[in-house]
Amino acid sequence: MADQHDAHAAPHVHGEMNITEQAWTWALFVGLTKWVSLSMAALILFLTVWFAVGAGFMPAFISAAVLSVLGFFALRTKKAH
């Protein structure tokens, strides 16, 4: 059965397939993953400092804000020269 289809198929040449959509999807996935991870880390830090440590709302908010700002500068996409 597979031999019938192989006879009519064009030979595969490595590197000729257009992968722009796959590359765009992968870049979107990686970008969303890193920003959602930063958001979750800030939320977990906020809730931990507020409730588990018992420091209160303002110290929790400040620590989560500092983590968010540092994470933003660490995770932003660098422009190619």
Protein backbone atom coordinates (compact mmCIF):
# COMPACT_ATOMS: atom_id res chain seq x y z
CA MET A 1 0.00 0.00 0.00
CA ALA A 2 2.77 2.46 0.90
CA ASP A 3 4.64 1.59 -2.29
CA GLN A 4 1.81 2.96 -4.43
CA HIS A 5 2.03 6.37 -2.76
CA ASP A 6 5.81 6.47 -2.79
CA ALA A 7 5.90 6.09 -6.56
CA HIS A 8 3.81 9.24 -7.09
CA ALA A 9 5.34 11.41 -4.36
CA ALA A 10 8.06 13.92 -5.14
CA PRO A 11 11.39 13.22 -3.47
CA HIS A 12 11.97 15.05 -0.21
CA VAL A 13 14.70 17.66 -0.31
CA HIS A 14 15.93 18.73 3.12
CA GLY A 15 15.59 22.48 3.78
CA GLU A 16 13.07 23.38 1.06
CA MET A 17 9.95 23.52 3.21
CA ASN A 18 8.64 26.96 4.19
CA ILE A 19 8.64 27.03 7.99
CA THR A 20 7.77 30.67 8.66
CA GLU A 21 4.46 29.79 10.34
CA GLN A 22 6.09 27.15 12.54
CA ALA A 23 8.86 29.57 13.52
CA TRP A 24 6.30 32.28 14.33
CA THR A 25 4.24 29.82 16.42
CA TRP A 26 7.33 28.67 18.32
CA ALA A 27 8.40 32.27 19.02
CA LEU A 28 4.89 33.06 20.27
CA PHE A 29 4.89 29.97 22.51
CA VAL A 30 8.28 30.81 24.01
CA GLY A 31 7.30 34.45 24.53
CA LEU A 32 4.03 33.60 26.24
CA THR A 33 5.73 30.95 28.37
CA LYS A 34 8.34 33.33 29.74
CA TRP A 35 5.89 36.17 30.47
CA VAL A 36 3.32 33.89 32.10
CA SER A 37 6.11 32.34 34.18
CA LEU A 38 7.19 35.78 35.36
CA SER A 39 3.59 36.67 36.21
CA MET A 40 3.12 33.45 38.17
CA ALA A 41 6.39 33.99 40.06
CA ALA A 42 5.32 37.53 41.00
CA LEU A 43 1.89 36.30 42.11
CA ILE A 44 3.37 33.49 44.20
CA LEU A 45 5.84 35.91 45.80
CA PHE A 46 3.05 38.40 46.50
CA LEU A 47 0.81 35.83 48.14
CA THR A 48 3.66 34.25 50.10
CA VAL A 49 4.89 37.52 51.55
CA TRP A 50 1.36 38.70 52.29
CA PHE A 51 -0.06 35.57 53.93
CA ALA A 52 2.71 33.11 54.81
CA VAL A 53 5.23 35.62 56.11
CA GLY A 54 2.55 37.94 57.44
CA ALA A 55 4.37 41.10 56.43
CA GLY A 56 1.23 42.73 55.10
CA PHE A 57 -0.06 44.01 51.79
CA MET A 58 2.42 46.80 51.04
CA PRO A 59 5.65 44.79 51.53
CA ALA A 60 4.13 42.01 49.44
CA PHE A 61 3.15 44.43 46.70
CA ILE A 62 6.56 46.11 46.70
CA SER A 63 8.44 42.80 46.51
CA ALA A 64 6.22 41.54 43.68
CA ALA A 65 6.65 44.85 41.83
CA VAL A 66 10.43 44.71 42.18
CA LEU A 67 10.47 41.13 40.89
CA SER A 68 8.24 42.13 37.97
CA VAL A 69 10.44 45.07 36.96
CA LEU A 70 13.66 43.06 37.23
CA GLY A 71 12.07 40.17 35.35
CA PHE A 72 10.84 42.50 32.63
CA PHE A 73 14.34 43.82 31.96
CA ALA A 74 15.84 40.33 32.16
CA LEU A 75 13.31 38.67 29.85
CA ARG A 76 12.68 41.32 27.21
CA THR A 77 13.76 40.44 23.71
CA LYS A 78 17.07 41.92 22.75
CA LYS A 79 17.19 43.58 19.33
CA ALA A 80 19.64 42.13 16.83
CA HIS A 81 22.27 44.53 15.54
